[in-house]
Amino acid sequence: STTLWWVMAGILSSPVTLPLMVVVVALLMVAAVVS
């Protein structure tokens, strides 16, 4: 669980474009809510 948060921090720190960042955050939130 701890290491999973590290991976998510790595994803969110990647310099990607804003639309892609919004999609990534939305997907993570959807995955968490569905689970």
All heavy atoms as atom14 arrays in JSON, in Angstrom:
{
  "sequence": "STTLWWVMAGILSSPVTLPLMVVVVALLMVAAVVS",
  "atom14_mask": [
    [1, 1, 1, 1, 1, 1, 0, 0, 0, 0, 0, 0, 0, 0],
    [1, 1, 1, 1, 1, 1, 1, 0, 0, 0, 0, 0, 0, 0],
    [1, 1, 1, 1, 1, 1, 1, 0, 0, 0, 0, 0, 0, 0],
    [1, 1, 1, 1, 1, 1, 1, 1, 0, 0, 0, 0, 0, 0],
    [1, 1, 1, 1, 1, 1, 1, 1, 1, 1, 1, 1, 1, 1],
    [1, 1, 1, 1, 1, 1, 1, 1, 1, 1, 1, 1, 1, 1],
    [1, 1, 1, 1, 1, 1, 1, 0, 0, 0, 0, 0, 0, 0],
    [1, 1, 1, 1, 1, 1, 1, 1, 0, 0, 0, 0, 0, 0],
    [1, 1, 1, 1, 1, 0, 0, 0, 0, 0, 0, 0, 0, 0],
    [1, 1, 1, 1, 0, 0, 0, 0, 0, 0, 0, 0, 0, 0],
    [1, 1, 1, 1, 1, 1, 1, 1, 0, 0, 0, 0, 0, 0],
    [1, 1, 1, 1, 1, 1, 1, 1, 0, 0, 0, 0, 0, 0],
    [1, 1, 1, 1, 1, 1, 0, 0, 0, 0, 0, 0, 0, 0],
    [1, 1, 1, 1, 1, 1, 0, 0, 0, 0, 0, 0, 0, 0],
    [1, 1, 1, 1, 1, 1, 1, 0, 0, 0, 0, 0, 0, 0],
    [1, 1, 1, 1, 1, 1, 1, 0, 0, 0, 0, 0, 0, 0],
    [1, 1, 1, 1, 1, 1, 1, 0, 0, 0, 0, 0, 0, 0],
    [1, 1, 1, 1, 1, 1, 1, 1, 0, 0, 0, 0, 0, 0],
    [1, 1, 1, 1, 1, 1, 1, 0, 0, 0, 0, 0, 0, 0],
    [1, 1, 1, 1, 1, 1, 1, 1, 0, 0, 0, 0, 0, 0],
    [1, 1, 1, 1, 1, 1, 1, 1, 0, 0, 0, 0, 0, 0],
    [1, 1, 1, 1, 1, 1, 1, 0, 0, 0, 0, 0, 0, 0],
    [1, 1, 1, 1, 1, 1, 1, 0, 0, 0, 0, 0, 0, 0],
    [1, 1, 1, 1, 1, 1, 1, 0, 0, 0, 0, 0, 0, 0],
    [1, 1, 1, 1, 1, 1, 1, 0, 0, 0, 0, 0, 0, 0],
    [1, 1, 1, 1, 1, 0, 0, 0, 0, 0, 0, 0, 0, 0],
    [1, 1, 1, 1, 1, 1, 1, 1, 0, 0, 0, 0, 0, 0],
    [1, 1, 1, 1, 1, 1, 1, 1, 0, 0, 0, 0, 0, 0],
    [1, 1, 1, 1, 1, 1, 1, 1, 0, 0, 0, 0, 0, 0],
    [1, 1, 1, 1, 1, 1, 1, 0, 0, 0, 0, 0, 0, 0],
    [1, 1, 1, 1, 1, 0, 0, 0, 0, 0, 0, 0, 0, 0],
    [1, 1, 1, 1, 1, 0, 0, 0, 0, 0, 0, 0, 0, 0],
    [1, 1, 1, 1, 1, 1, 1, 0, 0, 0, 0, 0, 0, 0],
    [1, 1, 1, 1, 1, 1, 1, 0, 0, 0, 0, 0, 0, 0],
    [1, 1, 1, 1, 1, 1, 0, 0, 0, 0, 0, 0, 0, 0]
  ],
  "atom14_positions": [
    [[0.84, -1.21, 0.0], [0.0, 0.0, 0.0], [0.87, 1.25, 0.0], [0.61, 2.2, -0.74], [-0.9, 0.02, 1.24], [-1.74, -1.09, 1.23], [0.0, 0.0, 0.0], [0.0, 0.0, 0.0], [0.0, 0.0, 0.0], [0.0, 0.0, 0.0], [0.0, 0.0, 0.0], [0.0, 0.0, 0.0], [0.0, 0.0, 0.0], [0.0, 0.0, 0.0]],
    [[1.93, 1.24, 0.82], [2.84, 2.39, 0.88], [3.54, 2.59, -0.45], [3.62, 3.7, -0.96], [3.89, 2.16, 1.99], [3.21, 1.92, 3.22], [4.79, 3.36, 2.15], [0.0, 0.0, 0.0], [0.0, 0.0, 0.0], [0.0, 0.0, 0.0], [0.0, 0.0, 0.0], [0.0, 0.0, 0.0], [0.0, 0.0, 0.0], [0.0, 0.0, 0.0]],
    [[4.04, 1.49, -1.03], [4.77, 1.61, -2.29], [3.85, 2.06, -3.43], [4.29, 2.75, -4.35], [5.47, 0.29, -2.67], [4.52, -0.77, -2.67], [6.57, -0.05, -1.69], [0.0, 0.0, 0.0], [0.0, 0.0, 0.0], [0.0, 0.0, 0.0], [0.0, 0.0, 0.0], [0.0, 0.0, 0.0], [0.0, 0.0, 0.0], [0.0, 0.0, 0.0]],
    [[2.57, 1.68, -3.35], [1.62, 2.13, -4.37], [1.49, 3.65, -4.36], [1.42, 4.28, -5.41], [0.26, 1.47, -4.13], [-0.79, 1.63, -5.21], [-0.28, 1.09, -6.53], [-2.06, 0.94, -4.82], [0.0, 0.0, 0.0], [0.0, 0.0, 0.0], [0.0, 0.0, 0.0], [0.0, 0.0, 0.0], [0.0, 0.0, 0.0], [0.0, 0.0, 0.0]],
    [[1.49, 4.25, -3.16], [1.45, 5.72, -3.07], [2.7, 6.34, -3.67], [2.65, 7.41, -4.26], [1.27, 6.16, -1.61], [-0.11, 5.92, -1.12], [-0.5, 5.03, -0.15], [-1.32, 6.55, -1.57], [-1.86, 5.06, 0.0], [-2.39, 5.99, -0.84], [-1.6, 7.52, -2.52], [-3.71, 6.38, -1.03], [-2.92, 7.91, -2.72], [-3.95, 7.34, -1.98]],
    [[3.86, 5.66, -3.53], [5.11, 6.16, -4.13], [4.97, 6.2, -5.65], [5.41, 7.15, -6.3], [6.29, 5.28, -3.75], [6.69, 5.33, -2.32], [6.18, 6.12, -1.33], [7.69, 4.53, -1.7], [6.78, 5.87, -0.15], [7.72, 4.89, -0.33], [8.55, 3.55, -2.14], [8.59, 4.31, 0.58], [9.41, 2.96, -1.23], [9.44, 3.35, 0.11]],
    [[4.38, 5.13, -6.22], [4.2, 5.07, -7.67], [3.28, 6.21, -8.11], [3.55, 6.89, -9.1], [3.62, 3.71, -8.11], [3.33, 3.71, -9.61], [4.59, 2.58, -7.78], [0.0, 0.0, 0.0], [0.0, 0.0, 0.0], [0.0, 0.0, 0.0], [0.0, 0.0, 0.0], [0.0, 0.0, 0.0], [0.0, 0.0, 0.0], [0.0, 0.0, 0.0]],
    [[2.19, 6.42, -7.37], [1.26, 7.48, -7.74], [1.93, 8.85, -7.64], [1.69, 9.73, -8.47], [0.0, 7.41, -6.87], [-0.79, 6.19, -7.25], [-2.41, 5.87, -6.51], [-2.68, 6.97, -5.26], [0.0, 0.0, 0.0], [0.0, 0.0, 0.0], [0.0, 0.0, 0.0], [0.0, 0.0, 0.0], [0.0, 0.0, 0.0], [0.0, 0.0, 0.0]],
    [[2.79, 9.03, -6.65], [3.53, 10.3, -6.53], [4.45, 10.48, -7.74], [4.61, 11.58, -8.26], [4.35, 10.32, -5.25], [0.0, 0.0, 0.0], [0.0, 0.0, 0.0], [0.0, 0.0, 0.0], [0.0, 0.0, 0.0], [0.0, 0.0, 0.0], [0.0, 0.0, 0.0], [0.0, 0.0, 0.0], [0.0, 0.0, 0.0], [0.0, 0.0, 0.0]],
    [[5.04, 9.38, -8.2], [5.89, 9.44, -9.4], [5.1, 9.82, -10.64], [5.56, 10.6, -11.46], [0.0, 0.0, 0.0], [0.0, 0.0, 0.0], [0.0, 0.0, 0.0], [0.0, 0.0, 0.0], [0.0, 0.0, 0.0], [0.0, 0.0, 0.0], [0.0, 0.0, 0.0], [0.0, 0.0, 0.0], [0.0, 0.0, 0.0], [0.0, 0.0, 0.0]],
    [[3.89, 9.27, -10.76], [3.04, 9.61, -11.9], [2.69, 11.1, -11.86], [2.79, 11.8, -12.85], [1.75, 8.76, -11.9], [2.08, 7.31, -12.23], [0.72, 9.31, -12.89], [0.92, 6.35, -12.05], [0.0, 0.0, 0.0], [0.0, 0.0, 0.0], [0.0, 0.0, 0.0], [0.0, 0.0, 0.0], [0.0, 0.0, 0.0], [0.0, 0.0, 0.0]],
    [[2.27, 11.56, -10.69], [1.84, 12.94, -10.57], [2.99, 13.93, -10.69], [2.77, 15.11, -10.97], [1.09, 13.14, -9.24], [-0.23, 12.35, -9.13], [-0.82, 12.49, -7.75], [-1.22, 12.79, -10.19], [0.0, 0.0, 0.0], [0.0, 0.0, 0.0], [0.0, 0.0, 0.0], [0.0, 0.0, 0.0], [0.0, 0.0, 0.0], [0.0, 0.0, 0.0]],
    [[4.23, 13.46, -10.47], [5.38, 14.37, -10.61], [5.9, 14.45, -12.04], [6.73, 15.28, -12.36], [6.52, 13.92, -9.69], [7.1, 12.73, -10.18], [0.0, 0.0, 0.0], [0.0, 0.0, 0.0], [0.0, 0.0, 0.0], [0.0, 0.0, 0.0], [0.0, 0.0, 0.0], [0.0, 0.0, 0.0], [0.0, 0.0, 0.0], [0.0, 0.0, 0.0]],
    [[5.41, 13.56, -12.9], [5.87, 13.57, -14.29], [5.38, 14.81, -15.0], [4.2, 15.16, -14.9], [5.36, 12.33, -15.03], [5.9, 11.17, -14.45], [0.0, 0.0, 0.0], [0.0, 0.0, 0.0], [0.0, 0.0, 0.0], [0.0, 0.0, 0.0], [0.0, 0.0, 0.0], [0.0, 0.0, 0.0], [0.0, 0.0, 0.0], [0.0, 0.0, 0.0]],
    [[6.27, 15.48, -15.73], [5.86, 16.71, -16.43], [5.07, 16.39, -17.7], [5.61, 16.35, -18.78], [7.19, 17.38, -16.76], [8.16, 16.26, -16.84], [7.68, 15.19, -15.9], [0.0, 0.0, 0.0], [0.0, 0.0, 0.0], [0.0, 0.0, 0.0], [0.0, 0.0, 0.0], [0.0, 0.0, 0.0], [0.0, 0.0, 0.0], [0.0, 0.0, 0.0]],
    [[3.79, 16.1, -17.51], [2.92, 15.82, -18.65], [2.01, 17.01, -18.87], [1.9, 17.88, -18.03], [2.1, 14.53, -18.4], [2.98, 13.33, -18.39], [1.29, 14.63, -17.13], [0.0, 0.0, 0.0], [0.0, 0.0, 0.0], [0.0, 0.0, 0.0], [0.0, 0.0, 0.0], [0.0, 0.0, 0.0], [0.0, 0.0, 0.0], [0.0, 0.0, 0.0]],
    [[1.35, 16.99, -20.0], [0.46, 18.11, -20.29], [-0.71, 18.12, -19.33], [-1.08, 17.08, -18.78], [-0.06, 18.02, -21.74], [-0.77, 16.79, -21.87], [1.06, 18.1, -22.74], [0.0, 0.0, 0.0], [0.0, 0.0, 0.0], [0.0, 0.0, 0.0], [0.0, 0.0, 0.0], [0.0, 0.0, 0.0], [0.0, 0.0, 0.0], [0.0, 0.0, 0.0]],
    [[-1.32, 19.27, -19.14], [-2.42, 19.42, -18.19], [-3.59, 18.5, -18.48], [-4.09, 17.84, -17.56], [-2.87, 20.89, -18.15], [-3.93, 21.23, -17.12], [-3.44, 20.93, -15.71], [-4.35, 22.67, -17.23], [0.0, 0.0, 0.0], [0.0, 0.0, 0.0], [0.0, 0.0, 0.0], [0.0, 0.0, 0.0], [0.0, 0.0, 0.0], [0.0, 0.0, 0.0]],
    [[-4.05, 18.37, -19.73], [-5.18, 17.46, -19.98], [-4.88, 16.02, -19.57], [-5.72, 15.34, -19.0], [-5.41, 17.57, -21.49], [-4.84, 18.89, -21.87], [-3.69, 19.12, -20.94], [0.0, 0.0, 0.0], [0.0, 0.0, 0.0], [0.0, 0.0, 0.0], [0.0, 0.0, 0.0], [0.0, 0.0, 0.0], [0.0, 0.0, 0.0], [0.0, 0.0, 0.0]],
    [[-3.65, 15.56, -19.88], [-3.28, 14.2, -19.51], [-3.24, 14.05, -17.99], [-3.67, 13.03, -17.44], [-1.94, 13.82, -20.14], [-1.47, 12.38, -19.89], [-2.51, 11.38, -20.36], [-0.15, 12.14, -20.59], [0.0, 0.0, 0.0], [0.0, 0.0, 0.0], [0.0, 0.0, 0.0], [0.0, 0.0, 0.0], [0.0, 0.0, 0.0], [0.0, 0.0, 0.0]],
    [[-2.74, 15.07, -17.31], [-2.69, 15.04, -15.85], [-4.1, 14.93, -15.26], [-4.33, 14.16, -14.33], [-2.0, 16.3, -15.31], [-1.88, 16.33, -13.8], [-0.85, 15.02, -13.16], [0.75, 15.72, -13.46], [0.0, 0.0, 0.0], [0.0, 0.0, 0.0], [0.0, 0.0, 0.0], [0.0, 0.0, 0.0], [0.0, 0.0, 0.0], [0.0, 0.0, 0.0]],
    [[-5.04, 15.69, -15.83], [-6.43, 15.63, -15.36], [-7.0, 14.23, -15.56], [-7.67, 13.68, -14.68], [-7.29, 16.69, -16.09], [-8.76, 16.5, -15.79], [-6.85, 18.1, -15.7], [0.0, 0.0, 0.0], [0.0, 0.0, 0.0], [0.0, 0.0, 0.0], [0.0, 0.0, 0.0], [0.0, 0.0, 0.0], [0.0, 0.0, 0.0], [0.0, 0.0, 0.0]],
    [[-6.71, 13.63, -16.72], [-7.19, 12.27, -17.0], [-6.6, 11.27, -16.01], [-7.3, 10.4, -15.49], [-6.85, 11.87, -18.46], [-7.12, 10.4, -18.7], [-7.65, 12.71, -19.43], [0.0, 0.0, 0.0], [0.0, 0.0, 0.0], [0.0, 0.0, 0.0], [0.0, 0.0, 0.0], [0.0, 0.0, 0.0], [0.0, 0.0, 0.0], [0.0, 0.0, 0.0]],
    [[-5.29, 11.39, -15.74], [-4.62, 10.48, -14.81], [-5.24, 10.58, -13.42], [-5.59, 9.56, -12.81], [-3.1, 10.79, -14.74], [-2.45, 10.07, -13.58], [-2.42, 10.41, -16.05], [0.0, 0.0, 0.0], [0.0, 0.0, 0.0], [0.0, 0.0, 0.0], [0.0, 0.0, 0.0], [0.0, 0.0, 0.0], [0.0, 0.0, 0.0], [0.0, 0.0, 0.0]],
    [[-5.42, 11.8, -12.93], [-6.01, 11.99, -11.59], [-7.44, 11.45, -11.57], [-7.85, 10.77, -10.62], [-5.98, 13.48, -11.19], [-6.78, 13.72, -9.91], [-4.54, 13.94, -11.0], [0.0, 0.0, 0.0], [0.0, 0.0, 0.0], [0.0, 0.0, 0.0], [0.0, 0.0, 0.0], [0.0, 0.0, 0.0], [0.0, 0.0, 0.0], [0.0, 0.0, 0.0]],
    [[-8.21, 11.71, -12.64], [-9.6, 11.23, -12.71], [-9.64, 9.7, -12.69], [-10.45, 9.1, -11.98], [-10.28, 11.76, -13.96], [0.0, 0.0, 0.0], [0.0, 0.0, 0.0], [0.0, 0.0, 0.0], [0.0, 0.0, 0.0], [0.0, 0.0, 0.0], [0.0, 0.0, 0.0], [0.0, 0.0, 0.0], [0.0, 0.0, 0.0], [0.0, 0.0, 0.0]],
    [[-8.73, 9.06, -13.45], [-8.68, 7.6, -13.48], [-8.32, 7.02, -12.11], [-8.9, 6.01, -11.68], [-7.66, 7.12, -14.53], [-8.1, 7.23, -15.98], [-6.95, 6.87, -16.91], [-9.28, 6.33, -16.27], [0.0, 0.0, 0.0], [0.0, 0.0, 0.0], [0.0, 0.0, 0.0], [0.0, 0.0, 0.0], [0.0, 0.0, 0.0], [0.0, 0.0, 0.0]],
    [[-7.37, 7.65, -11.44], [-6.99, 7.18, -10.1], [-8.16, 7.3, -9.13], [-8.41, 6.4, -8.33], [-5.78, 7.97, -9.59], [-4.46, 7.74, -10.32], [-3.38, 8.67, -9.79], [-4.02, 6.3, -10.21], [0.0, 0.0, 0.0], [0.0, 0.0, 0.0], [0.0, 0.0, 0.0], [0.0, 0.0, 0.0], [0.0, 0.0, 0.0], [0.0, 0.0, 0.0]],
    [[-8.88, 8.42, -9.23], [-10.03, 8.61, -8.34], [-11.15, 7.61, -8.64], [-11.75, 7.05, -7.73], [-10.55, 10.05, -8.47], [-9.63, 11.08, -7.84], [-10.17, 12.78, -8.11], [-11.65, 12.83, -7.14], [0.0, 0.0, 0.0], [0.0, 0.0, 0.0], [0.0, 0.0, 0.0], [0.0, 0.0, 0.0], [0.0, 0.0, 0.0], [0.0, 0.0, 0.0]],
    [[-11.41, 7.37, -9.93], [-12.43, 6.4, -10.31], [-12.05, 5.0, -9.81], [-12.9, 4.28, -9.28], [-12.64, 6.4, -11.85], [-13.46, 5.2, -12.29], [-13.32, 7.69, -12.29], [0.0, 0.0, 0.0], [0.0, 0.0, 0.0], [0.0, 0.0, 0.0], [0.0, 0.0, 0.0], [0.0, 0.0, 0.0], [0.0, 0.0, 0.0], [0.0, 0.0, 0.0]],
    [[-10.79, 4.63, -10.0], [-10.33, 3.31, -9.53], [-10.52, 3.17, -8.03], [-10.97, 2.14, -7.55], [-8.86, 3.11, -9.9], [0.0, 0.0, 0.0], [0.0, 0.0, 0.0], [0.0, 0.0, 0.0], [0.0, 0.0, 0.0], [0.0, 0.0, 0.0], [0.0, 0.0, 0.0], [0.0, 0.0, 0.0], [0.0, 0.0, 0.0], [0.0, 0.0, 0.0]],
    [[-10.2, 4.22, -7.29], [-10.35, 4.18, -5.83], [-11.82, 4.07, -5.43], [-12.19, 3.26, -4.57], [-9.74, 5.43, -5.2], [0.0, 0.0, 0.0], [0.0, 0.0, 0.0], [0.0, 0.0, 0.0], [0.0, 0.0, 0.0], [0.0, 0.0, 0.0], [0.0, 0.0, 0.0], [0.0, 0.0, 0.0], [0.0, 0.0, 0.0], [0.0, 0.0, 0.0]],
    [[-12.68, 4.85, -6.08], [-14.12, 4.82, -5.76], [-14.74, 3.47, -6.11], [-15.5, 2.89, -5.32], [-14.87, 5.97, -6.48], [-16.37, 5.8, -6.38], [-14.45, 7.31, -5.9], [0.0, 0.0, 0.0], [0.0, 0.0, 0.0], [0.0, 0.0, 0.0], [0.0, 0.0, 0.0], [0.0, 0.0, 0.0], [0.0, 0.0, 0.0], [0.0, 0.0, 0.0]],
    [[-14.41, 2.94, -7.29], [-14.95, 1.64, -7.71], [-14.5, 0.55, -6.75], [-15.3, -0.31, -6.33], [-14.53, 1.32, -9.17], [-14.82, -0.13, -9.52], [-15.24, 2.25, -10.14], [0.0, 0.0, 0.0], [0.0, 0.0, 0.0], [0.0, 0.0, 0.0], [0.0, 0.0, 0.0], [0.0, 0.0, 0.0], [0.0, 0.0, 0.0], [0.0, 0.0, 0.0]],
    [[-13.22, 0.57, -6.38], [-12.7, -0.45, -5.46], [-13.39, -0.37, -4.11], [-13.8, -1.4, -3.55], [-11.2, -0.26, -5.26], [-10.55, -0.35, -6.48], [0.0, 0.0, 0.0], [0.0, 0.0, 0.0], [0.0, 0.0, 0.0], [0.0, 0.0, 0.0], [0.0, 0.0, 0.0], [0.0, 0.0, 0.0], [0.0, 0.0, 0.0], [0.0, 0.0, 0.0]]
  ]
}
